[in-house]
Amino acid sequence: MIKMIKSSVVKAKIEPYLKKKAETVLHKLGITPDQAVTMLYKQIVQNHVWPIGLKIPNAKTLKVFSETDDDINLVKFSSLDELFKNLEA
């Protein structure tokens, strides 16, 4: 038998302009509003504090994301020991 994950709805009344602007930023981050709220709640539960915000990646970071997605300039290691040996060299 497959156990179904239950979900709950969080309602918040915010200004339409704020909602639109926030969702534009979330879209640039690649995060849905549902994911953003879930991430916020998880951080609050885990750390018992208000979490530090996310930032939109700059052009250099986006380039690295794209390259690693395409295995360009990506260094792979078969073990953690191999990684540390490479870092020490």
PDB file of N, CA and C in Angstrom:
ATOM      1  N   MET A   1       0.836  -1.187   0.000  1.00  0.00           N
ATOM      2  CA  MET A   1       0.000   0.000   0.000  1.00  0.00           C
ATOM      3  C   MET A   1       0.878   1.247   0.000  1.00  0.00           C
ATOM      4  N   ILE A   2       0.578   2.181  -0.859  1.00  0.00           N
ATOM      5  CA  ILE A   2       1.333   3.418  -0.960  1.00  0.00           C
ATOM      6  C   ILE A   2       0.761   4.431   0.017  1.00  0.00           C
ATOM      7  N   LYS A   3       1.638   5.004   0.832  1.00  0.00           N
ATOM      8  CA  LYS A   3       1.213   6.022   1.790  1.00  0.00           C
ATOM      9  C   LYS A   3       1.178   7.377   1.089  1.00  0.00           C
ATOM     10  N   MET A   4       0.057   8.037   1.131  1.00  0.00           N
ATOM     11  CA  MET A   4      -0.103   9.340   0.493  1.00  0.00           C
ATOM     12  C   MET A   4       0.413  10.434   1.426  1.00  0.00           C
ATOM     13  N   ILE A   5       1.127  11.374   0.847  1.00  0.00           N
ATOM     14  CA  ILE A   5       1.592  12.515   1.617  1.00  0.00           C
ATOM     15  C   ILE A   5       0.441  13.506   1.697  1.00  0.00           C
ATOM     16  N   LYS A   6       0.143  13.920   2.895  1.00  0.00           N
ATOM     17  CA  LYS A   6      -0.928  14.896   3.080  1.00  0.00           C
ATOM     18  C   LYS A   6      -0.394  16.292   2.828  1.00  0.00           C
ATOM     19  N   SER A   7      -1.250  17.151   2.354  1.00  0.00           N
ATOM     20  CA  SER A   7      -0.850  18.534   2.155  1.00  0.00           C
ATOM     21  C   SER A   7      -1.815  19.445   2.889  1.00  0.00           C
ATOM     22  N   SER A   8      -1.354  20.623   3.174  1.00  0.00           N
ATOM     23  CA  SER A   8      -2.152  21.605   3.872  1.00  0.00           C
ATOM     24  C   SER A   8      -2.032  22.924   3.126  1.00  0.00           C
ATOM     25  N   VAL A   9      -3.043  23.744   3.226  1.00  0.00           N
ATOM     26  CA  VAL A   9      -3.063  25.020   2.520  1.00  0.00           C
ATOM     27  C   VAL A   9      -2.715  26.137   3.493  1.00  0.00           C
ATOM     28  N   VAL A  10      -1.848  27.048   3.043  1.00  0.00           N
ATOM     29  CA  VAL A  10      -1.515  28.243   3.804  1.00  0.00           C
ATOM     30  C   VAL A  10      -2.094  29.416   3.030  1.00  0.00           C
ATOM     31  N   LYS A  11      -2.912  30.211   3.673  1.00  0.00           N
ATOM     32  CA  LYS A  11      -3.504  31.374   3.026  1.00  0.00           C
ATOM     33  C   LYS A  11      -2.879  32.633   3.595  1.00  0.00           C
ATOM     34  N   ALA A  12      -2.579  33.559   2.716  1.00  0.00           N
ATOM     35  CA  ALA A  12      -2.035  34.840   3.143  1.00  0.00           C
ATOM     36  C   ALA A  12      -2.601  35.929   2.247  1.00  0.00           C
ATOM     37  N   LYS A  13      -3.063  36.986   2.847  1.00  0.00           N
ATOM     38  CA  LYS A  13      -3.567  38.122   2.082  1.00  0.00           C
ATOM     39  C   LYS A  13      -2.426  39.125   1.937  1.00  0.00           C
ATOM     40  N   ILE A  14      -2.038  39.370   0.681  1.00  0.00           N
ATOM     41  CA  ILE A  14      -0.993  40.348   0.407  1.00  0.00           C
ATOM     42  C   ILE A  14      -1.438  41.220  -0.763  1.00  0.00           C
ATOM     43  N   GLU A  15      -0.780  42.342  -0.903  1.00  0.00           N
ATOM     44  CA  GLU A  15      -1.120  43.258  -1.984  1.00  0.00           C
ATOM     45  C   GLU A  15      -0.799  42.612  -3.331  1.00  0.00           C
ATOM     46  N   PRO A  16      -1.696  42.751  -4.316  1.00  0.00           N
ATOM     47  CA  PRO A  16      -1.462  42.150  -5.629  1.00  0.00           C
ATOM     48  C   PRO A  16      -0.126  42.562  -6.253  1.00  0.00           C
ATOM     49  N   TYR A  17       0.262  43.826  -6.098  1.00  0.00           N
ATOM     50  CA  TYR A  17       1.526  44.307  -6.650  1.00  0.00           C
ATOM     51  C   TYR A  17       2.706  43.551  -6.028  1.00  0.00           C
ATOM     52  N   LEU A  18       2.668  43.375  -4.701  1.00  0.00           N
ATOM     53  CA  LEU A  18       3.733  42.656  -4.001  1.00  0.00           C
ATOM     54  C   LEU A  18       3.796  41.208  -4.467  1.00  0.00           C
ATOM     55  N   LYS A  19       2.644  40.568  -4.614  1.00  0.00           N
ATOM     56  CA  LYS A  19       2.579  39.180  -5.076  1.00  0.00           C
ATOM     57  C   LYS A  19       3.224  39.051  -6.452  1.00  0.00           C
ATOM     58  N   LYS A  20       2.860  39.937  -7.362  1.00  0.00           N
ATOM     59  CA  LYS A  20       3.382  39.886  -8.727  1.00  0.00           C
ATOM     60  C   LYS A  20       4.895  40.086  -8.737  1.00  0.00           C
ATOM     61  N   LYS A  21       5.377  41.074  -8.000  1.00  0.00           N
ATOM     62  CA  LYS A  21       6.812  41.349  -7.945  1.00  0.00           C
ATOM     63  C   LYS A  21       7.578  40.166  -7.335  1.00  0.00           C
ATOM     64  N   ALA A  22       7.052  39.601  -6.251  1.00  0.00           N
ATOM     65  CA  ALA A  22       7.722  38.473  -5.594  1.00  0.00           C
ATOM     66  C   ALA A  22       7.754  37.261  -6.510  1.00  0.00           C
ATOM     67  N   GLU A  23       6.664  36.994  -7.206  1.00  0.00           N
ATOM     68  CA  GLU A  23       6.619  35.842  -8.099  1.00  0.00           C
ATOM     69  C   GLU A  23       7.545  36.018  -9.297  1.00  0.00           C
ATOM     70  N   THR A  24       7.796  37.262  -9.699  1.00  0.00           N
ATOM     71  CA  THR A  24       8.768  37.523 -10.759  1.00  0.00           C
ATOM     72  C   THR A  24      10.171  37.123 -10.290  1.00  0.00           C
ATOM     73  N   VAL A  25      10.521  37.490  -9.072  1.00  0.00           N
ATOM     74  CA  VAL A  25      11.825  37.128  -8.514  1.00  0.00           C
ATOM     75  C   VAL A  25      11.918  35.617  -8.335  1.00  0.00           C
ATOM     76  N   LEU A  26      10.870  34.999  -7.787  1.00  0.00           N
ATOM     77  CA  LEU A  26      10.872  33.546  -7.596  1.00  0.00           C
ATOM     78  C   LEU A  26      11.065  32.825  -8.918  1.00  0.00           C
ATOM     79  N   HIS A  27      10.417  33.317  -9.963  1.00  0.00           N
ATOM     80  CA  HIS A  27      10.561  32.710 -11.283  1.00  0.00           C
ATOM     81  C   HIS A  27      12.020  32.764 -11.743  1.00  0.00           C
ATOM     82  N   LYS A  28      12.676  33.903 -11.522  1.00  0.00           N
ATOM     83  CA  LYS A  28      14.089  34.035 -11.882  1.00  0.00           C
ATOM     84  C   LYS A  28      14.966  33.077 -11.088  1.00  0.00           C
ATOM     85  N   LEU A  29      14.552  32.771  -9.865  1.00  0.00           N
ATOM     86  CA  LEU A  29      15.285  31.825  -9.025  1.00  0.00           C
ATOM     87  C   LEU A  29      14.951  30.374  -9.374  1.00  0.00           C
ATOM     88  N   GLY A  30      13.900  30.184 -10.175  1.00  0.00           N
ATOM     89  CA  GLY A  30      13.481  28.829 -10.527  1.00  0.00           C
ATOM     90  C   GLY A  30      12.699  28.148  -9.424  1.00  0.00           C
ATOM     91  N   ILE A  31      11.994  28.940  -8.635  1.00  0.00           N
ATOM     92  CA  ILE A  31      11.257  28.425  -7.482  1.00  0.00           C
ATOM     93  C   ILE A  31       9.787  28.809  -7.624  1.00  0.00           C
ATOM     94  N   THR A  32       8.898  27.855  -7.374  1.00  0.00           N
ATOM     95  CA  THR A  32       7.469  28.157  -7.385  1.00  0.00           C
ATOM     96  C   THR A  32       7.087  28.797  -6.056  1.00  0.00           C
ATOM     97  N   PRO A  33       5.951  29.511  -6.017  1.00  0.00           N
ATOM     98  CA  PRO A  33       5.492  30.058  -4.739  1.00  0.00           C
ATOM     99  C   PRO A  33       5.297  28.962  -3.679  1.00  0.00           C
ATOM    100  N   ASP A  34       4.769  27.805  -4.070  1.00  0.00           N
ATOM    101  CA  ASP A  34       4.603  26.701  -3.120  1.00  0.00           C
ATOM    102  C   ASP A  34       5.941  26.254  -2.548  1.00  0.00           C
ATOM    103  N   GLN A  35       6.954  26.135  -3.427  1.00  0.00           N
ATOM    104  CA  GLN A  35       8.287  25.736  -2.965  1.00  0.00           C
ATOM    105  C   GLN A  35       8.876  26.789  -2.035  1.00  0.00           C
ATOM    106  N   ALA A  36       8.658  28.052  -2.349  1.00  0.00           N
ATOM    107  CA  ALA A  36       9.191  29.135  -1.517  1.00  0.00           C
ATOM    108  C   ALA A  36       8.606  29.080  -0.107  1.00  0.00           C
ATOM    109  N   VAL A  37       7.302  28.896  -0.017  1.00  0.00           N
ATOM    110  CA  VAL A  37       6.661  28.822   1.294  1.00  0.00           C
ATOM    111  C   VAL A  37       7.139  27.587   2.052  1.00  0.00           C
ATOM    112  N   THR A  38       7.254  26.464   1.362  1.00  0.00           N
ATOM    113  CA  THR A  38       7.739  25.241   2.006  1.00  0.00           C
ATOM    114  C   THR A  38       9.169  25.430   2.518  1.00  0.00           C
ATOM    115  N   MET A  39      10.027  26.035   1.690  1.00  0.00           N
ATOM    116  CA  MET A  39      11.405  26.292   2.112  1.00  0.00           C
ATOM    117  C   MET A  39      11.446  27.206   3.334  1.00  0.00           C
ATOM    118  N   LEU A  40      10.622  28.234   3.313  1.00  0.00           N
ATOM    119  CA  LEU A  40      10.558  29.160   4.441  1.00  0.00           C
ATOM    120  C   LEU A  40      10.162  28.422   5.719  1.00  0.00           C
ATOM    121  N   TYR A  41       9.103  27.641   5.654  1.00  0.00           N
ATOM    122  CA  TYR A  41       8.628  26.914   6.822  1.00  0.00           C
ATOM    123  C   TYR A  41       9.670  25.917   7.332  1.00  0.00           C
ATOM    124  N   LYS A  42      10.332  25.204   6.407  1.00  0.00           N
ATOM    125  CA  LYS A  42      11.348  24.228   6.819  1.00  0.00           C
ATOM    126  C   LYS A  42      12.509  24.913   7.538  1.00  0.00           C
ATOM    127  N   GLN A  43      12.938  26.062   7.031  1.00  0.00           N
ATOM    128  CA  GLN A  43      14.027  26.789   7.675  1.00  0.00           C
ATOM    129  C   GLN A  43      13.625  27.296   9.057  1.00  0.00           C
ATOM    130  N   ILE A  44      12.410  27.775   9.173  1.00  0.00           N
ATOM    131  CA  ILE A  44      11.925  28.256  10.471  1.00  0.00           C
ATOM    132  C   ILE A  44      11.901  27.104  11.477  1.00  0.00           C
ATOM    133  N   VAL A  45      11.394  25.950  11.052  1.00  0.00           N
ATOM    134  CA  VAL A  45      11.315  24.785  11.943  1.00  0.00           C
ATOM    135  C   VAL A  45      12.707  24.298  12.311  1.00  0.00           C
ATOM    136  N   GLN A  46      13.583  24.200  11.332  1.00  0.00           N
ATOM    137  CA  GLN A  46      14.920  23.657  11.558  1.00  0.00           C
ATOM    138  C   GLN A  46      15.776  24.561  12.446  1.00  0.00           C
ATOM    139  N   ASN A  47      15.729  25.865  12.208  1.00  0.00           N
ATOM    140  CA  ASN A  47      16.649  26.781  12.880  1.00  0.00           C
ATOM    141  C   ASN A  47      16.026  27.645  13.964  1.00  0.00           C
ATOM    142  N   HIS A  48      14.717  27.638  14.047  1.00  0.00           N
ATOM    143  CA  HIS A  48      13.989  28.434  15.041  1.00  0.00           C
ATOM    144  C   HIS A  48      14.287  29.933  14.922  1.00  0.00           C
ATOM    145  N   VAL A  49      14.578  30.360  13.692  1.00  0.00           N
ATOM    146  CA  VAL A  49      14.819  31.781  13.416  1.00  0.00           C
ATOM    147  C   VAL A  49      14.263  32.109  12.033  1.00  0.00           C
ATOM    148  N   TRP A  50      14.158  33.391  11.748  1.00  0.00           N
ATOM    149  CA  TRP A  50      13.766  33.824  10.407  1.00  0.00           C
ATOM    150  C   TRP A  50      14.982  33.641   9.500  1.00  0.00           C
ATOM    151  N   PRO A  51      14.820  32.909   8.398  1.00  0.00           N
ATOM    152  CA  PRO A  51      15.981  32.592   7.566  1.00  0.00           C
ATOM    153  C   PRO A  51      16.481  33.767   6.724  1.00  0.00           C
ATOM    154  N   ILE A  52      17.734  33.669   6.352  1.00  0.00           N
ATOM    155  CA  ILE A  52      18.338  34.659   5.456  1.00  0.00           C
ATOM    156  C   ILE A  52      17.767  34.442   4.066  1.00  0.00           C
ATOM    157  N   GLY A  53      17.523  35.507   3.343  1.00  0.00           N
ATOM    158  CA  GLY A  53      16.888  35.418   2.038  1.00  0.00           C
ATOM    159  C   GLY A  53      17.786  34.885   0.933  1.00  0.00           C
ATOM    160  N   LEU A  54      17.172  34.437  -0.128  1.00  0.00           N
ATOM    161  CA  LEU A  54      17.869  33.999  -1.335  1.00  0.00           C
ATOM    162  C   LEU A  54      18.154  35.203  -2.205  1.00  0.00           C
ATOM    163  N   LYS A  55      19.157  35.065  -3.061  1.00  0.00           N
ATOM    164  CA  LYS A  55      19.484  36.144  -3.983  1.00  0.00           C
ATOM    165  C   LYS A  55      19.458  35.606  -5.403  1.00  0.00           C
ATOM    166  N   ILE A  56      19.122  36.472  -6.350  1.00  0.00           N
ATOM    167  CA  ILE A  56      19.131  36.086  -7.752  1.00  0.00           C
ATOM    168  C   ILE A  56      20.587  35.906  -8.170  1.00  0.00           C
ATOM    169  N   PRO A  57      20.919  34.759  -8.770  1.00  0.00           N
ATOM    170  CA  PRO A  57      22.308  34.529  -9.180  1.00  0.00           C
ATOM    171  C   PRO A  57      22.778  35.553 -10.198  1.00  0.00           C
ATOM    172  N   ASN A  58      24.060  35.944 -10.074  1.00  0.00           N
ATOM    173  CA  ASN A  58      24.615  36.880 -11.051  1.00  0.00           C
ATOM    174  C   ASN A  58      24.994  36.123 -12.325  1.00  0.00           C
ATOM    175  N   ALA A  59      25.462  36.845 -13.329  1.00  0.00           N
ATOM    176  CA  ALA A  59      25.753  36.245 -14.639  1.00  0.00           C
ATOM    177  C   ALA A  59      26.820  35.150 -14.536  1.00  0.00           C
ATOM    178  N   LYS A  60      27.836  35.370 -13.727  1.00  0.00           N
ATOM    179  CA  LYS A  60      28.906  34.379 -13.583  1.00  0.00           C
ATOM    180  C   LYS A  60      28.366  33.077 -12.978  1.00  0.00           C
ATOM    181  N   THR A  61      27.553  33.206 -11.963  1.00  0.00           N
ATOM    182  CA  THR A  61      26.966  32.024 -11.319  1.00  0.00           C
ATOM    183  C   THR A  61      26.048  31.285 -12.285  1.00  0.00           C
ATOM    184  N   LEU A  62      25.230  32.022 -13.034  1.00  0.00           N
ATOM    185  CA  LEU A  62      24.336  31.394 -14.010  1.00  0.00           C
ATOM    186  C   LEU A  62      25.131  30.646 -15.074  1.00  0.00           C
ATOM    187  N   LYS A  63      26.287  31.216 -15.481  1.00  0.00           N
ATOM    188  CA  LYS A  63      27.147  30.558 -16.463  1.00  0.00           C
ATOM    189  C   LYS A  63      27.667  29.231 -15.911  1.00  0.00           C
ATOM    190  N   VAL A  64      28.110  29.239 -14.663  1.00  0.00           N
ATOM    191  CA  VAL A  64      28.608  28.015 -14.030  1.00  0.00           C
ATOM    192  C   VAL A  64      27.493  26.985 -13.902  1.00  0.00           C
ATOM    193  N   PHE A  65      26.304  27.411 -13.513  1.00  0.00           N
ATOM    194  CA  PHE A  65      25.156  26.486 -13.440  1.00  0.00           C
ATOM    195  C   PHE A  65      24.939  25.817 -14.791  1.00  0.00           C
ATOM    196  N   SER A  66      24.931  26.636 -15.850  1.00  0.00           N
ATOM    197  CA  SER A  66      24.692  26.121 -17.189  1.00  0.00           C
ATOM    198  C   SER A  66      25.786  25.152 -17.617  1.00  0.00           C
ATOM    199  N   GLU A  67      27.042  25.510 -17.348  1.00  0.00           N
ATOM    200  CA  GLU A  67      28.159  24.640 -17.713  1.00  0.00           C
ATOM    201  C   GLU A  67      28.107  23.307 -16.977  1.00  0.00           C
ATOM    202  N   THR A  68      27.821  23.346 -15.692  1.00  0.00           N
ATOM    203  CA  THR A  68      27.779  22.084 -14.942  1.00  0.00           C
ATOM    204  C   THR A  68      26.595  21.227 -15.377  1.00  0.00           C
ATOM    205  N   ASP A  69      25.499  21.860 -15.742  1.00  0.00           N
ATOM    206  CA  ASP A  69      24.360  21.089 -16.264  1.00  0.00           C
ATOM    207  C   ASP A  69      24.741  20.340 -17.537  1.00  0.00           C
ATOM    208  N   ASP A  70      25.655  20.940 -18.310  1.00  0.00           N
ATOM    209  CA  ASP A  70      26.093  20.349 -19.578  1.00  0.00           C
ATOM    210  C   ASP A  70      27.421  19.601 -19.442  1.00  0.00           C
ATOM    211  N   ASP A  71      27.877  19.362 -18.217  1.00  0.00           N
ATOM    212  CA  ASP A  71      29.152  18.678 -17.932  1.00  0.00           C
ATOM    213  C   ASP A  71      30.353  19.385 -18.549  1.00  0.00           C
ATOM    214  N   ILE A  72      30.305  20.697 -18.652  1.00  0.00           N
ATOM    215  CA  ILE A  72      31.423  21.489 -19.164  1.00  0.00           C
ATOM    216  C   ILE A  72      32.249  21.958 -17.969  1.00  0.00           C
ATOM    217  N   ASN A  73      33.574  21.723 -18.034  1.00  0.00           N
ATOM    218  CA  ASN A  73      34.494  22.097 -16.945  1.00  0.00           C
ATOM    219  C   ASN A  73      34.100  21.480 -15.602  1.00  0.00           C
ATOM    220  N   LEU A  74      33.431  20.363 -15.642  1.00  0.00           N
ATOM    221  CA  LEU A  74      32.981  19.695 -14.428  1.00  0.00           C
ATOM    222  C   LEU A  74      34.002  18.638 -14.046  1.00  0.00           C
ATOM    223  N   VAL A  75      34.507  18.722 -12.840  1.00  0.00           N
ATOM    224  CA  VAL A  75      35.475  17.746 -12.351  1.00  0.00           C
ATOM    225  C   VAL A  75      34.716  16.766 -11.462  1.00  0.00           C
ATOM    226  N   LYS A  76      34.856  15.482 -11.766  1.00  0.00           N
ATOM    227  CA  LYS A  76      34.149  14.450 -11.008  1.00  0.00           C
ATOM    228  C   LYS A  76      35.156  13.578 -10.268  1.00  0.00           C
ATOM    229  N   PHE A  77      34.767  13.100  -9.107  1.00  0.00           N
ATOM    230  CA  PHE A  77      35.611  12.247  -8.288  1.00  0.00           C
ATOM    231  C   PHE A  77      34.847  10.986  -7.929  1.00  0.00           C
ATOM    232  N   SER A  78      35.585   9.891  -7.821  1.00  0.00           N
ATOM    233  CA  SER A  78      34.941   8.620  -7.498  1.00  0.00           C
ATOM    234  C   SER A  78      34.810   8.411  -5.995  1.00  0.00           C
ATOM    235  N   SER A  79      35.524   9.240  -5.229  1.00  0.00           N
ATOM    236  CA  SER A  79      35.439   9.097  -3.774  1.00  0.00           C
ATOM    237  C   SER A  79      35.752  10.431  -3.107  1.00  0.00           C
ATOM    238  N   LEU A  80      35.407  10.514  -1.847  1.00  0.00           N
ATOM    239  CA  LEU A  80      35.697  11.706  -1.067  1.00  0.00           C
ATOM    240  C   LEU A  80      37.205  11.854  -0.878  1.00  0.00           C
ATOM    241  N   ASP A  81      37.907  10.733  -0.693  1.00  0.00           N
ATOM    242  CA  ASP A  81      39.365  10.773  -0.558  1.00  0.00           C
ATOM    243  C   ASP A  81      40.012  11.360  -1.807  1.00  0.00           C
ATOM    244  N   GLU A  82      39.526  10.965  -2.971  1.00  0.00           N
ATOM    245  CA  GLU A  82      40.045  11.489  -4.227  1.00  0.00           C
ATOM    246  C   GLU A  82      39.834  12.991  -4.327  1.00  0.00           C
ATOM    247  N   LEU A  83      38.670  13.460  -3.885  1.00  0.00           N
ATOM    248  CA  LEU A  83      38.366  14.888  -3.883  1.00  0.00           C
ATOM    249  C   LEU A  83      39.357  15.636  -2.997  1.00  0.00           C
ATOM    250  N   PHE A  84      39.566  15.151  -1.774  1.00  0.00           N
ATOM    251  CA  PHE A  84      40.468  15.837  -0.852  1.00  0.00           C
ATOM    252  C   PHE A  84      41.905  15.828  -1.351  1.00  0.00           C
ATOM    253  N   LYS A  85      42.334  14.742  -1.963  1.00  0.00           N
ATOM    254  CA  LYS A  85      43.681  14.679  -2.534  1.00  0.00           C
ATOM    255  C   LYS A  85      43.845  15.729  -3.622  1.00  0.00           C
ATOM    256  N   ASN A  86      42.798  15.898  -4.435  1.00  0.00           N
ATOM    257  CA  ASN A  86      42.838  16.903  -5.487  1.00  0.00           C
ATOM    258  C   ASN A  86      42.889  18.318  -4.910  1.00  0.00           C
ATOM    259  N   LEU A  87      42.157  18.543  -3.835  1.00  0.00           N
ATOM    260  CA  LEU A  87      42.144  19.867  -3.209  1.00  0.00           C
ATOM    261  C   LEU A  87      43.485  20.212  -2.584  1.00  0.00           C
ATOM    262  N   GLU A  88      44.164  19.202  -2.061  1.00  0.00           N
ATOM    263  CA  GLU A  88      45.468  19.418  -1.422  1.00  0.00           C
ATOM    264  C   GLU A  88      46.570  19.645  -2.440  1.00  0.00           C
ATOM    265  N   ALA A  89      46.389  19.177  -3.668  1.00  0.00           N
ATOM    266  CA  ALA A  89      47.436  19.295  -4.705  1.00  0.00           C
ATOM    267  C   ALA A  89      47.571  20.697  -5.236  1.00  0.00           C
TER     268      ALA A  89
END
